[in-house]
Amino acid sequence: MGKANNPGNNSKPRGKVSAFHVLMILVGANLMFLFAPDFGLLNSILYIPDLYTWSATVGGFLLLVLGFRGFFKKL
């Protein structure tokens, strides 16, 4: 029979979560949540022109994508 490896030998280093990327994700999600055309919270309370709502929604989506790209880094 083969010898089993120790759990200490098989352990991989844990990944590191970037705080900056977490903040990017939160800001992007808030922008989309607040300014989404026809569904956003601020858009339902106040009249905000479509130019600002669509640009904020696209900007929030880009922040989400960029935040998730660098969210988890290996050591």
PDB file of N, CA and C in Angstrom:
ATOM      1  N   MET A   1       0.827  -1.176   0.000  1.00  0.00           N
ATOM      2  CA  MET A   1       0.000   0.000   0.000  1.00  0.00           C
ATOM      3  C   MET A   1       0.869   1.237   0.000  1.00  0.00           C
ATOM      4  N   GLY A   2       0.358   2.244  -0.679  1.00  0.00           N
ATOM      5  CA  GLY A   2       1.080   3.508  -0.720  1.00  0.00           C
ATOM      6  C   GLY A   2       0.889   4.286   0.572  1.00  0.00           C
ATOM      7  N   LYS A   3       1.841   5.118   0.806  1.00  0.00           N
ATOM      8  CA  LYS A   3       1.797   5.924   2.022  1.00  0.00           C
ATOM      9  C   LYS A   3       0.974   7.196   1.752  1.00  0.00           C
ATOM     10  N   ALA A   4       0.051   7.517   2.643  1.00  0.00           N
ATOM     11  CA  ALA A   4      -0.791   8.704   2.483  1.00  0.00           C
ATOM     12  C   ALA A   4       0.007   9.960   2.814  1.00  0.00           C
ATOM     13  N   ASN A   5      -0.282  11.007   2.086  1.00  0.00           N
ATOM     14  CA  ASN A   5       0.390  12.287   2.353  1.00  0.00           C
ATOM     15  C   ASN A   5      -0.190  12.932   3.605  1.00  0.00           C
ATOM     16  N   ASN A   6       0.655  13.631   4.315  1.00  0.00           N
ATOM     17  CA  ASN A   6       0.190  14.385   5.481  1.00  0.00           C
ATOM     18  C   ASN A   6      -0.634  15.582   5.011  1.00  0.00           C
ATOM     19  N   PRO A   7      -1.621  15.990   5.789  1.00  0.00           N
ATOM     20  CA  PRO A   7      -2.388  17.186   5.404  1.00  0.00           C
ATOM     21  C   PRO A   7      -1.509  18.434   5.318  1.00  0.00           C
ATOM     22  N   GLY A   8      -0.452  18.487   6.082  1.00  0.00           N
ATOM     23  CA  GLY A   8       0.453  19.629   6.035  1.00  0.00           C
ATOM     24  C   GLY A   8       1.184  19.725   4.708  1.00  0.00           C
ATOM     25  N   ASN A   9       1.421  18.594   4.068  1.00  0.00           N
ATOM     26  CA  ASN A   9       2.125  18.607   2.784  1.00  0.00           C
ATOM     27  C   ASN A   9       1.213  19.045   1.638  1.00  0.00           C
ATOM     28  N   ASN A  10      -0.077  18.817   1.772  1.00  0.00           N
ATOM     29  CA  ASN A  10      -1.012  19.133   0.699  1.00  0.00           C
ATOM     30  C   ASN A  10      -1.626  20.530   0.815  1.00  0.00           C
ATOM     31  N   SER A  11      -1.318  21.230   1.873  1.00  0.00           N
ATOM     32  CA  SER A  11      -1.983  22.521   2.070  1.00  0.00           C
ATOM     33  C   SER A  11      -1.461  23.557   1.080  1.00  0.00           C
ATOM     34  N   LYS A  12      -2.393  24.310   0.538  1.00  0.00           N
ATOM     35  CA  LYS A  12      -2.050  25.388  -0.382  1.00  0.00           C
ATOM     36  C   LYS A  12      -2.148  26.699   0.387  1.00  0.00           C
ATOM     37  N   PRO A  13      -1.372  27.685   0.007  1.00  0.00           N
ATOM     38  CA  PRO A  13      -1.493  28.975   0.710  1.00  0.00           C
ATOM     39  C   PRO A  13      -2.850  29.613   0.439  1.00  0.00           C
ATOM     40  N   ARG A  14      -3.378  30.254   1.463  1.00  0.00           N
ATOM     41  CA  ARG A  14      -4.683  30.890   1.325  1.00  0.00           C
ATOM     42  C   ARG A  14      -4.560  32.143   0.476  1.00  0.00           C
ATOM     43  N   GLY A  15      -5.633  32.465  -0.191  1.00  0.00           N
ATOM     44  CA  GLY A  15      -5.659  33.648  -1.031  1.00  0.00           C
ATOM     45  C   GLY A  15      -5.859  34.909  -0.212  1.00  0.00           C
ATOM     46  N   LYS A  16      -5.599  36.027  -0.824  1.00  0.00           N
ATOM     47  CA  LYS A  16      -5.738  37.311  -0.167  1.00  0.00           C
ATOM     48  C   LYS A  16      -6.817  38.113  -0.877  1.00  0.00           C
ATOM     49  N   VAL A  17      -7.713  38.705  -0.112  1.00  0.00           N
ATOM     50  CA  VAL A  17      -8.784  39.525  -0.663  1.00  0.00           C
ATOM     51  C   VAL A  17      -8.351  40.981  -0.579  1.00  0.00           C
ATOM     52  N   SER A  18      -8.448  41.676  -1.688  1.00  0.00           N
ATOM     53  CA  SER A  18      -8.041  43.074  -1.748  1.00  0.00           C
ATOM     54  C   SER A  18      -9.161  43.984  -1.256  1.00  0.00           C
ATOM     55  N   ALA A  19      -8.858  44.831  -0.270  1.00  0.00           N
ATOM     56  CA  ALA A  19      -9.862  45.741   0.283  1.00  0.00           C
ATOM     57  C   ALA A  19     -10.269  46.799  -0.746  1.00  0.00           C
ATOM     58  N   PHE A  20      -9.345  47.232  -1.564  1.00  0.00           N
ATOM     59  CA  PHE A  20      -9.656  48.221  -2.598  1.00  0.00           C
ATOM     60  C   PHE A  20     -10.668  47.671  -3.585  1.00  0.00           C
ATOM     61  N   HIS A  21     -10.509  46.415  -3.983  1.00  0.00           N
ATOM     62  CA  HIS A  21     -11.439  45.810  -4.931  1.00  0.00           C
ATOM     63  C   HIS A  21     -12.804  45.567  -4.290  1.00  0.00           C
ATOM     64  N   VAL A  22     -12.830  45.286  -2.992  1.00  0.00           N
ATOM     65  CA  VAL A  22     -14.116  45.153  -2.299  1.00  0.00           C
ATOM     66  C   VAL A  22     -14.851  46.488  -2.328  1.00  0.00           C
ATOM     67  N   LEU A  23     -14.135  47.590  -2.105  1.00  0.00           N
ATOM     68  CA  LEU A  23     -14.757  48.912  -2.162  1.00  0.00           C
ATOM     69  C   LEU A  23     -15.244  49.241  -3.567  1.00  0.00           C
ATOM     70  N   MET A  24     -14.492  48.825  -4.583  1.00  0.00           N
ATOM     71  CA  MET A  24     -14.934  49.041  -5.960  1.00  0.00           C
ATOM     72  C   MET A  24     -16.237  48.296  -6.238  1.00  0.00           C
ATOM     73  N   ILE A  25     -16.350  47.089  -5.737  1.00  0.00           N
ATOM     74  CA  ILE A  25     -17.566  46.290  -5.926  1.00  0.00           C
ATOM     75  C   ILE A  25     -18.739  46.962  -5.227  1.00  0.00           C
ATOM     76  N   LEU A  26     -18.531  47.438  -4.005  1.00  0.00           N
ATOM     77  CA  LEU A  26     -19.610  48.075  -3.262  1.00  0.00           C
ATOM     78  C   LEU A  26     -20.067  49.376  -3.910  1.00  0.00           C
ATOM     79  N   VAL A  27     -19.138  50.188  -4.372  1.00  0.00           N
ATOM     80  CA  VAL A  27     -19.498  51.448  -5.020  1.00  0.00           C
ATOM     81  C   VAL A  27     -20.227  51.179  -6.334  1.00  0.00           C
ATOM     82  N   GLY A  28     -19.749  50.215  -7.105  1.00  0.00           N
ATOM     83  CA  GLY A  28     -20.409  49.873  -8.364  1.00  0.00           C
ATOM     84  C   GLY A  28     -21.817  49.353  -8.157  1.00  0.00           C
ATOM     85  N   ALA A  29     -22.003  48.505  -7.146  1.00  0.00           N
ATOM     86  CA  ALA A  29     -23.341  47.979  -6.868  1.00  0.00           C
ATOM     87  C   ALA A  29     -24.279  49.089  -6.388  1.00  0.00           C
ATOM     88  N   ASN A  30     -23.761  50.009  -5.575  1.00  0.00           N
ATOM     89  CA  ASN A  30     -24.600  51.112  -5.112  1.00  0.00           C
ATOM     90  C   ASN A  30     -24.988  52.043  -6.250  1.00  0.00           C
ATOM     91  N   LEU A  31     -24.071  52.320  -7.150  1.00  0.00           N
ATOM     92  CA  LEU A  31     -24.403  53.161  -8.296  1.00  0.00           C
ATOM     93  C   LEU A  31     -25.515  52.536  -9.128  1.00  0.00           C
ATOM     94  N   MET A  32     -25.402  51.249  -9.373  1.00  0.00           N
ATOM     95  CA  MET A  32     -26.433  50.577 -10.158  1.00  0.00           C
ATOM     96  C   MET A  32     -27.760  50.523  -9.410  1.00  0.00           C
ATOM     97  N   PHE A  33     -27.698  50.314  -8.105  1.00  0.00           N
ATOM     98  CA  PHE A  33     -28.913  50.205  -7.298  1.00  0.00           C
ATOM     99  C   PHE A  33     -29.639  51.543  -7.177  1.00  0.00           C
ATOM    100  N   LEU A  34     -28.898  52.621  -7.087  1.00  0.00           N
ATOM    101  CA  LEU A  34     -29.521  53.923  -6.889  1.00  0.00           C
ATOM    102  C   LEU A  34     -29.973  54.583  -8.184  1.00  0.00           C
ATOM    103  N   PHE A  35     -29.197  54.425  -9.265  1.00  0.00           N
ATOM    104  CA  PHE A  35     -29.444  55.200 -10.469  1.00  0.00           C
ATOM    105  C   PHE A  35     -29.989  54.400 -11.643  1.00  0.00           C
ATOM    106  N   ALA A  36     -30.332  53.149 -11.462  1.00  0.00           N
ATOM    107  CA  ALA A  36     -30.822  52.351 -12.576  1.00  0.00           C
ATOM    108  C   ALA A  36     -32.087  52.980 -13.161  1.00  0.00           C
ATOM    109  N   PRO A  37     -32.140  53.129 -14.482  1.00  0.00           N
ATOM    110  CA  PRO A  37     -33.322  53.751 -15.102  1.00  0.00           C
ATOM    111  C   PRO A  37     -34.588  52.939 -14.834  1.00  0.00           C
ATOM    112  N   ASP A  38     -35.636  53.610 -14.409  1.00  0.00           N
ATOM    113  CA  ASP A  38     -36.958  53.049 -14.131  1.00  0.00           C
ATOM    114  C   ASP A  38     -37.016  52.138 -12.902  1.00  0.00           C
ATOM    115  N   PHE A  39     -35.901  51.784 -12.299  1.00  0.00           N
ATOM    116  CA  PHE A  39     -35.909  50.899 -11.134  1.00  0.00           C
ATOM    117  C   PHE A  39     -35.109  51.430  -9.955  1.00  0.00           C
ATOM    118  N   GLY A  40     -34.233  52.383 -10.156  1.00  0.00           N
ATOM    119  CA  GLY A  40     -33.362  52.872  -9.102  1.00  0.00           C
ATOM    120  C   GLY A  40     -34.112  53.624  -8.018  1.00  0.00           C
ATOM    121  N   LEU A  41     -33.576  53.595  -6.807  1.00  0.00           N
ATOM    122  CA  LEU A  41     -34.236  54.249  -5.686  1.00  0.00           C
ATOM    123  C   LEU A  41     -34.261  55.766  -5.840  1.00  0.00           C
ATOM    124  N   LEU A  42     -33.141  56.360  -6.188  1.00  0.00           N
ATOM    125  CA  LEU A  42     -33.125  57.806  -6.370  1.00  0.00           C
ATOM    126  C   LEU A  42     -33.922  58.217  -7.600  1.00  0.00           C
ATOM    127  N   ASN A  43     -33.927  57.373  -8.598  1.00  0.00           N
ATOM    128  CA  ASN A  43     -34.669  57.688  -9.817  1.00  0.00           C
ATOM    129  C   ASN A  43     -36.176  57.628  -9.584  1.00  0.00           C
ATOM    130  N   SER A  44     -36.624  56.835  -8.628  1.00  0.00           N
ATOM    131  CA  SER A  44     -38.053  56.775  -8.351  1.00  0.00           C
ATOM    132  C   SER A  44     -38.510  57.929  -7.463  1.00  0.00           C
ATOM    133  N   ILE A  45     -37.605  58.496  -6.671  1.00  0.00           N
ATOM    134  CA  ILE A  45     -37.959  59.611  -5.791  1.00  0.00           C
ATOM    135  C   ILE A  45     -37.804  60.945  -6.509  1.00  0.00           C
ATOM    136  N   LEU A  46     -36.683  61.119  -7.192  1.00  0.00           N
ATOM    137  CA  LEU A  46     -36.361  62.372  -7.868  1.00  0.00           C
ATOM    138  C   LEU A  46     -36.391  62.177  -9.372  1.00  0.00           C
ATOM    139  N   TYR A  47     -36.550  63.281 -10.081  1.00  0.00           N
ATOM    140  CA  TYR A  47     -36.422  63.194 -11.539  1.00  0.00           C
ATOM    141  C   TYR A  47     -34.960  63.405 -11.899  1.00  0.00           C
ATOM    142  N   ILE A  48     -34.350  62.377 -12.436  1.00  0.00           N
ATOM    143  CA  ILE A  48     -32.954  62.441 -12.872  1.00  0.00           C
ATOM    144  C   ILE A  48     -32.961  62.140 -14.365  1.00  0.00           C
ATOM    145  N   PRO A  49     -32.353  63.003 -15.173  1.00  0.00           N
ATOM    146  CA  PRO A  49     -32.356  62.769 -16.625  1.00  0.00           C
ATOM    147  C   PRO A  49     -31.667  61.454 -17.000  1.00  0.00           C
ATOM    148  N   ASP A  50     -32.086  60.908 -18.145  1.00  0.00           N
ATOM    149  CA  ASP A  50     -31.561  59.621 -18.599  1.00  0.00           C
ATOM    150  C   ASP A  50     -30.067  59.655 -18.869  1.00  0.00           C
ATOM    151  N   LEU A  51     -29.537  60.792 -19.221  1.00  0.00           N
ATOM    152  CA  LEU A  51     -28.101  60.895 -19.473  1.00  0.00           C
ATOM    153  C   LEU A  51     -27.308  60.503 -18.234  1.00  0.00           C
ATOM    154  N   TYR A  52     -27.751  60.944 -17.073  1.00  0.00           N
ATOM    155  CA  TYR A  52     -27.042  60.641 -15.831  1.00  0.00           C
ATOM    156  C   TYR A  52     -27.314  59.227 -15.339  1.00  0.00           C
ATOM    157  N   THR A  53     -28.539  58.755 -15.520  1.00  0.00           N
ATOM    158  CA  THR A  53     -28.854  57.421 -15.018  1.00  0.00           C
ATOM    159  C   THR A  53     -28.146  56.332 -15.814  1.00  0.00           C
ATOM    160  N   TRP A  54     -28.138  56.478 -17.145  1.00  0.00           N
ATOM    161  CA  TRP A  54     -27.476  55.452 -17.947  1.00  0.00           C
ATOM    162  C   TRP A  54     -25.962  55.482 -17.764  1.00  0.00           C
ATOM    163  N   SER A  55     -25.387  56.659 -17.651  1.00  0.00           N
ATOM    164  CA  SER A  55     -23.933  56.730 -17.454  1.00  0.00           C
ATOM    165  C   SER A  55     -23.545  56.196 -16.077  1.00  0.00           C
ATOM    166  N   ALA A  56     -24.362  56.454 -15.047  1.00  0.00           N
ATOM    167  CA  ALA A  56     -24.079  55.911 -13.716  1.00  0.00           C
ATOM    168  C   ALA A  56     -24.237  54.396 -13.695  1.00  0.00           C
ATOM    169  N   THR A  57     -25.215  53.883 -14.418  1.00  0.00           N
ATOM    170  CA  THR A  57     -25.417  52.432 -14.472  1.00  0.00           C
ATOM    171  C   THR A  57     -24.259  51.745 -15.191  1.00  0.00           C
ATOM    172  N   VAL A  58     -23.822  52.303 -16.300  1.00  0.00           N
ATOM    173  CA  VAL A  58     -22.685  51.727 -17.031  1.00  0.00           C
ATOM    174  C   VAL A  58     -21.412  51.838 -16.198  1.00  0.00           C
ATOM    175  N   GLY A  59     -21.223  52.994 -15.540  1.00  0.00           N
ATOM    176  CA  GLY A  59     -20.056  53.156 -14.676  1.00  0.00           C
ATOM    177  C   GLY A  59     -20.068  52.179 -13.511  1.00  0.00           C
ATOM    178  N   GLY A  60     -21.246  51.947 -12.925  1.00  0.00           N
ATOM    179  CA  GLY A  60     -21.353  50.963 -11.844  1.00  0.00           C
ATOM    180  C   GLY A  60     -21.060  49.556 -12.318  1.00  0.00           C
ATOM    181  N   PHE A  61     -21.530  49.225 -13.516  1.00  0.00           N
ATOM    182  CA  PHE A  61     -21.239  47.893 -14.068  1.00  0.00           C
ATOM    183  C   PHE A  61     -19.744  47.722 -14.327  1.00  0.00           C
ATOM    184  N   LEU A  62     -19.090  48.761 -14.847  1.00  0.00           N
ATOM    185  CA  LEU A  62     -17.649  48.680 -15.078  1.00  0.00           C
ATOM    186  C   LEU A  62     -16.879  48.549 -13.767  1.00  0.00           C
ATOM    187  N   LEU A  63     -17.318  49.262 -12.732  1.00  0.00           N
ATOM    188  CA  LEU A  63     -16.668  49.117 -11.429  1.00  0.00           C
ATOM    189  C   LEU A  63     -16.854  47.710 -10.872  1.00  0.00           C
ATOM    190  N   LEU A  64     -18.021  47.123 -11.087  1.00  0.00           N
ATOM    191  CA  LEU A  64     -18.241  45.738 -10.656  1.00  0.00           C
ATOM    192  C   LEU A  64     -17.306  44.772 -11.376  1.00  0.00           C
ATOM    193  N   VAL A  65     -17.187  44.937 -12.683  1.00  0.00           N
ATOM    194  CA  VAL A  65     -16.324  44.038 -13.458  1.00  0.00           C
ATOM    195  C   VAL A  65     -14.866  44.190 -13.036  1.00  0.00           C
ATOM    196  N   LEU A  66     -14.398  45.428 -12.918  1.00  0.00           N
ATOM    197  CA  LEU A  66     -13.011  45.653 -12.512  1.00  0.00           C
ATOM    198  C   LEU A  66     -12.762  45.196 -11.083  1.00  0.00           C
ATOM    199  N   GLY A  67     -13.753  45.357 -10.214  1.00  0.00           N
ATOM    200  CA  GLY A  67     -13.594  44.909  -8.836  1.00  0.00           C
ATOM    201  C   GLY A  67     -13.506  43.398  -8.719  1.00  0.00           C
ATOM    202  N   PHE A  68     -14.323  42.691  -9.480  1.00  0.00           N
ATOM    203  CA  PHE A  68     -14.286  41.225  -9.408  1.00  0.00           C
ATOM    204  C   PHE A  68     -13.067  40.639 -10.103  1.00  0.00           C
ATOM    205  N   ARG A  69     -12.473  41.371 -11.041  1.00  0.00           N
ATOM    206  CA  ARG A  69     -11.284  40.853 -11.721  1.00  0.00           C
ATOM    207  C   ARG A  69     -10.100  40.757 -10.770  1.00  0.00           C
ATOM    208  N   GLY A  70      -9.945  41.709  -9.860  1.00  0.00           N
ATOM    209  CA  GLY A  70      -8.807  41.683  -8.950  1.00  0.00           C
ATOM    210  C   GLY A  70      -9.198  41.389  -7.517  1.00  0.00           C
ATOM    211  N   PHE A  71     -10.371  40.815  -7.305  1.00  0.00           N
ATOM    212  CA  PHE A  71     -10.892  40.588  -5.965  1.00  0.00           C
ATOM    213  C   PHE A  71     -10.056  39.579  -5.179  1.00  0.00           C
ATOM    214  N   PHE A  72      -9.712  38.482  -5.785  1.00  0.00           N
ATOM    215  CA  PHE A  72      -9.051  37.383  -5.083  1.00  0.00           C
ATOM    216  C   PHE A  72      -7.668  37.180  -5.678  1.00  0.00           C
ATOM    217  N   LYS A  73      -6.642  37.289  -4.848  1.00  0.00           N
ATOM    218  CA  LYS A  73      -5.271  37.094  -5.322  1.00  0.00           C
ATOM    219  C   LYS A  73      -4.618  35.963  -4.559  1.00  0.00           C
ATOM    220  N   LYS A  74      -3.858  35.169  -5.254  1.00  0.00           N
ATOM    221  CA  LYS A  74      -3.120  34.096  -4.610  1.00  0.00           C
ATOM    222  C   LYS A  74      -1.812  34.639  -4.056  1.00  0.00           C
ATOM    223  N   LEU A  75      -1.369  34.078  -2.973  1.00  0.00           N
ATOM    224  CA  LEU A  75      -0.114  34.513  -2.364  1.00  0.00           C
ATOM    225  C   LEU A  75       1.087  33.917  -3.067  1.00  0.00           C
TER     226      LEU A  75
END
